[in-house]
Amino acid sequence: PEYCARCTECVTRKVWSDLQDAMLGVLEAKTLQDLVDDFVKGQKTANYQI
């Protein structure tokens, strides 16, 4: 992608950078087994709907 010529001055750049780091941290910490376990756990809980 093309970068804005003023990206070094952008006040929101740090926010987006921090958000990227946080998302990558979460994604790197999760495994396929974690997703399977969460799914199975969700299947065992009661689901009351009216």
PDB file of N, CA and C in Angstrom:
ATOM      1  N   PRO A   1       0.827  -1.204   0.000  1.00  0.00           N
ATOM      2  CA  PRO A   1       0.000   0.000   0.000  1.00  0.00           C
ATOM      3  C   PRO A   1       0.859   1.251   0.000  1.00  0.00           C
ATOM      4  N   GLU A   2       0.297   2.291  -0.495  1.00  0.00           N
ATOM      5  CA  GLU A   2       1.003   3.564  -0.485  1.00  0.00           C
ATOM      6  C   GLU A   2       0.888   4.196   0.899  1.00  0.00           C
ATOM      7  N   TYR A   3       1.947   4.862   1.301  1.00  0.00           N
ATOM      8  CA  TYR A   3       1.958   5.517   2.598  1.00  0.00           C
ATOM      9  C   TYR A   3       1.711   7.002   2.424  1.00  0.00           C
ATOM     10  N   CYS A   4       1.052   7.575   3.385  1.00  0.00           N
ATOM     11  CA  CYS A   4       0.814   9.012   3.386  1.00  0.00           C
ATOM     12  C   CYS A   4       2.152   9.716   3.595  1.00  0.00           C
ATOM     13  N   ALA A   5       2.362  10.780   2.895  1.00  0.00           N
ATOM     14  CA  ALA A   5       3.617  11.534   3.015  1.00  0.00           C
ATOM     15  C   ALA A   5       3.797  12.113   4.412  1.00  0.00           C
ATOM     16  N   ARG A   6       2.694  12.249   5.149  1.00  0.00           N
ATOM     17  CA  ARG A   6       2.771  12.828   6.496  1.00  0.00           C
ATOM     18  C   ARG A   6       2.613  11.778   7.591  1.00  0.00           C
ATOM     19  N   CYS A   7       2.852  10.524   7.280  1.00  0.00           N
ATOM     20  CA  CYS A   7       2.609   9.459   8.253  1.00  0.00           C
ATOM     21  C   CYS A   7       3.451   9.608   9.520  1.00  0.00           C
ATOM     22  N   THR A   8       4.613  10.194   9.414  1.00  0.00           N
ATOM     23  CA  THR A   8       5.445  10.369  10.610  1.00  0.00           C
ATOM     24  C   THR A   8       4.883  11.432  11.543  1.00  0.00           C
ATOM     25  N   GLU A   9       3.989  12.268  11.049  1.00  0.00           N
ATOM     26  CA  GLU A   9       3.374  13.319  11.861  1.00  0.00           C
ATOM     27  C   GLU A   9       1.995  12.921  12.376  1.00  0.00           C
ATOM     28  N   CYS A  10       1.493  11.789  11.959  1.00  0.00           N
ATOM     29  CA  CYS A  10       0.121  11.381  12.252  1.00  0.00           C
ATOM     30  C   CYS A  10      -0.055  11.063  13.737  1.00  0.00           C
ATOM     31  N   VAL A  11      -1.036  11.710  14.352  1.00  0.00           N
ATOM     32  CA  VAL A  11      -1.265  11.503  15.782  1.00  0.00           C
ATOM     33  C   VAL A  11      -1.914  10.147  16.070  1.00  0.00           C
ATOM     34  N   THR A  12      -2.544   9.540  15.080  1.00  0.00           N
ATOM     35  CA  THR A  12      -3.186   8.245  15.317  1.00  0.00           C
ATOM     36  C   THR A  12      -2.284   7.062  14.974  1.00  0.00           C
ATOM     37  N   ARG A  13      -1.148   7.313  14.408  1.00  0.00           N
ATOM     38  CA  ARG A  13      -0.248   6.225  13.996  1.00  0.00           C
ATOM     39  C   ARG A  13       0.135   5.333  15.176  1.00  0.00           C
ATOM     40  N   LYS A  14       0.423   5.922  16.331  1.00  0.00           N
ATOM     41  CA  LYS A  14       0.791   5.148  17.523  1.00  0.00           C
ATOM     42  C   LYS A  14      -0.376   4.267  17.968  1.00  0.00           C
ATOM     43  N   VAL A  15      -1.591   4.783  17.871  1.00  0.00           N
ATOM     44  CA  VAL A  15      -2.768   3.992  18.243  1.00  0.00           C
ATOM     45  C   VAL A  15      -2.870   2.758  17.354  1.00  0.00           C
ATOM     46  N   TRP A  16      -2.749   2.952  16.047  1.00  0.00           N
ATOM     47  CA  TRP A  16      -2.839   1.833  15.111  1.00  0.00           C
ATOM     48  C   TRP A  16      -1.688   0.846  15.307  1.00  0.00           C
ATOM     49  N   SER A  17      -0.515   1.356  15.609  1.00  0.00           N
ATOM     50  CA  SER A  17       0.635   0.490  15.853  1.00  0.00           C
ATOM     51  C   SER A  17       0.420  -0.348  17.114  1.00  0.00           C
ATOM     52  N   ASP A  18      -0.085   0.286  18.174  1.00  0.00           N
ATOM     53  CA  ASP A  18      -0.369  -0.437  19.419  1.00  0.00           C
ATOM     54  C   ASP A  18      -1.458  -1.483  19.204  1.00  0.00           C
ATOM     55  N   LEU A  19      -2.468  -1.132  18.419  1.00  0.00           N
ATOM     56  CA  LEU A  19      -3.549  -2.064  18.122  1.00  0.00           C
ATOM     57  C   LEU A  19      -3.020  -3.279  17.359  1.00  0.00           C
ATOM     58  N   GLN A  20      -2.158  -3.040  16.394  1.00  0.00           N
ATOM     59  CA  GLN A  20      -1.565  -4.140  15.635  1.00  0.00           C
ATOM     60  C   GLN A  20      -0.770  -5.055  16.561  1.00  0.00           C
ATOM     61  N   ASP A  21       0.037  -4.477  17.430  1.00  0.00           N
ATOM     62  CA  ASP A  21       0.830  -5.280  18.359  1.00  0.00           C
ATOM     63  C   ASP A  21      -0.064  -6.118  19.273  1.00  0.00           C
ATOM     64  N   ALA A  22      -1.154  -5.514  19.758  1.00  0.00           N
ATOM     65  CA  ALA A  22      -2.070  -6.228  20.648  1.00  0.00           C
ATOM     66  C   ALA A  22      -2.753  -7.385  19.919  1.00  0.00           C
ATOM     67  N   MET A  23      -3.214  -7.143  18.705  1.00  0.00           N
ATOM     68  CA  MET A  23      -3.875  -8.202  17.935  1.00  0.00           C
ATOM     69  C   MET A  23      -2.909  -9.339  17.632  1.00  0.00           C
ATOM     70  N   LEU A  24      -1.692  -8.999  17.242  1.00  0.00           N
ATOM     71  CA  LEU A  24      -0.708 -10.042  16.952  1.00  0.00           C
ATOM     72  C   LEU A  24      -0.392 -10.848  18.201  1.00  0.00           C
ATOM     73  N   GLY A  25      -0.330 -10.177  19.344  1.00  0.00           N
ATOM     74  CA  GLY A  25      -0.083 -10.880  20.599  1.00  0.00           C
ATOM     75  C   GLY A  25      -1.169 -11.894  20.909  1.00  0.00           C
ATOM     76  N   VAL A  26      -2.415 -11.510  20.715  1.00  0.00           N
ATOM     77  CA  VAL A  26      -3.538 -12.419  20.955  1.00  0.00           C
ATOM     78  C   VAL A  26      -3.497 -13.579  19.966  1.00  0.00           C
ATOM     79  N   LEU A  27      -3.294 -13.279  18.696  1.00  0.00           N
ATOM     80  CA  LEU A  27      -3.278 -14.332  17.679  1.00  0.00           C
ATOM     81  C   LEU A  27      -2.115 -15.297  17.871  1.00  0.00           C
ATOM     82  N   GLU A  28      -0.983 -14.792  18.299  1.00  0.00           N
ATOM     83  CA  GLU A  28       0.172 -15.662  18.520  1.00  0.00           C
ATOM     84  C   GLU A  28      -0.010 -16.533  19.758  1.00  0.00           C
ATOM     85  N   ALA A  29      -0.811 -16.068  20.710  1.00  0.00           N
ATOM     86  CA  ALA A  29      -1.020 -16.816  21.946  1.00  0.00           C
ATOM     87  C   ALA A  29      -2.063 -17.922  21.791  1.00  0.00           C
ATOM     88  N   LYS A  30      -2.933 -17.816  20.802  1.00  0.00           N
ATOM     89  CA  LYS A  30      -3.992 -18.807  20.593  1.00  0.00           C
ATOM     90  C   LYS A  30      -3.497 -19.945  19.707  1.00  0.00           C
ATOM     91  N   THR A  31      -3.926 -21.140  20.060  1.00  0.00           N
ATOM     92  CA  THR A  31      -3.616 -22.304  19.235  1.00  0.00           C
ATOM     93  C   THR A  31      -4.916 -22.892  18.693  1.00  0.00           C
ATOM     94  N   LEU A  32      -4.788 -23.775  17.745  1.00  0.00           N
ATOM     95  CA  LEU A  32      -5.958 -24.465  17.227  1.00  0.00           C
ATOM     96  C   LEU A  32      -6.627 -25.262  18.345  1.00  0.00           C
ATOM     97  N   GLN A  33      -5.824 -25.821  19.220  1.00  0.00           N
ATOM     98  CA  GLN A  33      -6.385 -26.581  20.344  1.00  0.00           C
ATOM     99  C   GLN A  33      -7.190 -25.670  21.265  1.00  0.00           C
ATOM    100  N   ASP A  34      -6.734 -24.441  21.470  1.00  0.00           N
ATOM    101  CA  ASP A  34      -7.497 -23.476  22.275  1.00  0.00           C
ATOM    102  C   ASP A  34      -8.879 -23.244  21.667  1.00  0.00           C
ATOM    103  N   LEU A  35      -8.938 -23.105  20.354  1.00  0.00           N
ATOM    104  CA  LEU A  35     -10.215 -22.880  19.680  1.00  0.00           C
ATOM    105  C   LEU A  35     -11.137 -24.088  19.821  1.00  0.00           C
ATOM    106  N   VAL A  36     -10.570 -25.279  19.680  1.00  0.00           N
ATOM    107  CA  VAL A  36     -11.361 -26.500  19.842  1.00  0.00           C
ATOM    108  C   VAL A  36     -11.884 -26.594  21.271  1.00  0.00           C
ATOM    109  N   ASP A  37     -11.023 -26.347  22.245  1.00  0.00           N
ATOM    110  CA  ASP A  37     -11.435 -26.404  23.650  1.00  0.00           C
ATOM    111  C   ASP A  37     -12.540 -25.395  23.950  1.00  0.00           C
ATOM    112  N   ASP A  38     -12.421 -24.187  23.432  1.00  0.00           N
ATOM    113  CA  ASP A  38     -13.452 -23.163  23.636  1.00  0.00           C
ATOM    114  C   ASP A  38     -14.776 -23.605  23.019  1.00  0.00           C
ATOM    115  N   PHE A  39     -14.708 -24.211  21.847  1.00  0.00           N
ATOM    116  CA  PHE A  39     -15.916 -24.692  21.183  1.00  0.00           C
ATOM    117  C   PHE A  39     -16.591 -25.781  22.012  1.00  0.00           C
ATOM    118  N   VAL A  40     -15.802 -26.748  22.460  1.00  0.00           N
ATOM    119  CA  VAL A  40     -16.343 -27.856  23.249  1.00  0.00           C
ATOM    120  C   VAL A  40     -16.938 -27.328  24.549  1.00  0.00           C
ATOM    121  N   LYS A  41     -16.251 -26.426  25.198  1.00  0.00           N
ATOM    122  CA  LYS A  41     -16.754 -25.843  26.441  1.00  0.00           C
ATOM    123  C   LYS A  41     -18.078 -25.122  26.189  1.00  0.00           C
ATOM    124  N   GLY A  42     -18.191 -24.441  25.084  1.00  0.00           N
ATOM    125  CA  GLY A  42     -19.418 -23.731  24.736  1.00  0.00           C
ATOM    126  C   GLY A  42     -20.577 -24.675  24.464  1.00  0.00           C
ATOM    127  N   GLN A  43     -20.275 -25.861  23.970  1.00  0.00           N
ATOM    128  CA  GLN A  43     -21.314 -26.852  23.690  1.00  0.00           C
ATOM    129  C   GLN A  43     -21.885 -27.444  24.974  1.00  0.00           C
ATOM    130  N   LYS A  44     -21.103 -27.407  26.047  1.00  0.00           N
ATOM    131  CA  LYS A  44     -21.528 -28.013  27.309  1.00  0.00           C
ATOM    132  C   LYS A  44     -22.355 -27.065  28.170  1.00  0.00           C
ATOM    133  N   THR A  45     -22.361 -25.787  27.853  1.00  0.00           N
ATOM    134  CA  THR A  45     -23.115 -24.835  28.663  1.00  0.00           C
ATOM    135  C   THR A  45     -24.563 -24.804  28.204  1.00  0.00           C
ATOM    136  N   ALA A  46     -25.442 -24.546  29.149  1.00  0.00           N
ATOM    137  CA  ALA A  46     -26.870 -24.470  28.839  1.00  0.00           C
ATOM    138  C   ALA A  46     -27.146 -23.249  27.973  1.00  0.00           C
ATOM    139  N   ASN A  47     -28.063 -23.420  27.055  1.00  0.00           N
ATOM    140  CA  ASN A  47     -28.432 -22.336  26.155  1.00  0.00           C
ATOM    141  C   ASN A  47     -29.938 -22.125  26.273  1.00  0.00           C
ATOM    142  N   TYR A  48     -30.319 -21.135  27.070  1.00  0.00           N
ATOM    143  CA  TYR A  48     -31.734 -20.856  27.282  1.00  0.00           C
ATOM    144  C   TYR A  48     -32.161 -19.711  26.389  1.00  0.00           C
ATOM    145  N   GLN A  49     -33.135 -19.982  25.537  1.00  0.00           N
ATOM    146  CA  GLN A  49     -33.673 -18.947  24.662  1.00  0.00           C
ATOM    147  C   GLN A  49     -35.177 -18.921  24.789  1.00  0.00           C
ATOM    148  N   ILE A  50     -35.713 -17.742  24.765  1.00  0.00           N
ATOM    149  CA  ILE A  50     -37.171 -17.578  24.841  1.00  0.00           C
ATOM    150  C   ILE A  50     -37.672 -17.092  23.505  1.00  0.00           C
TER     151      ILE A  50
END
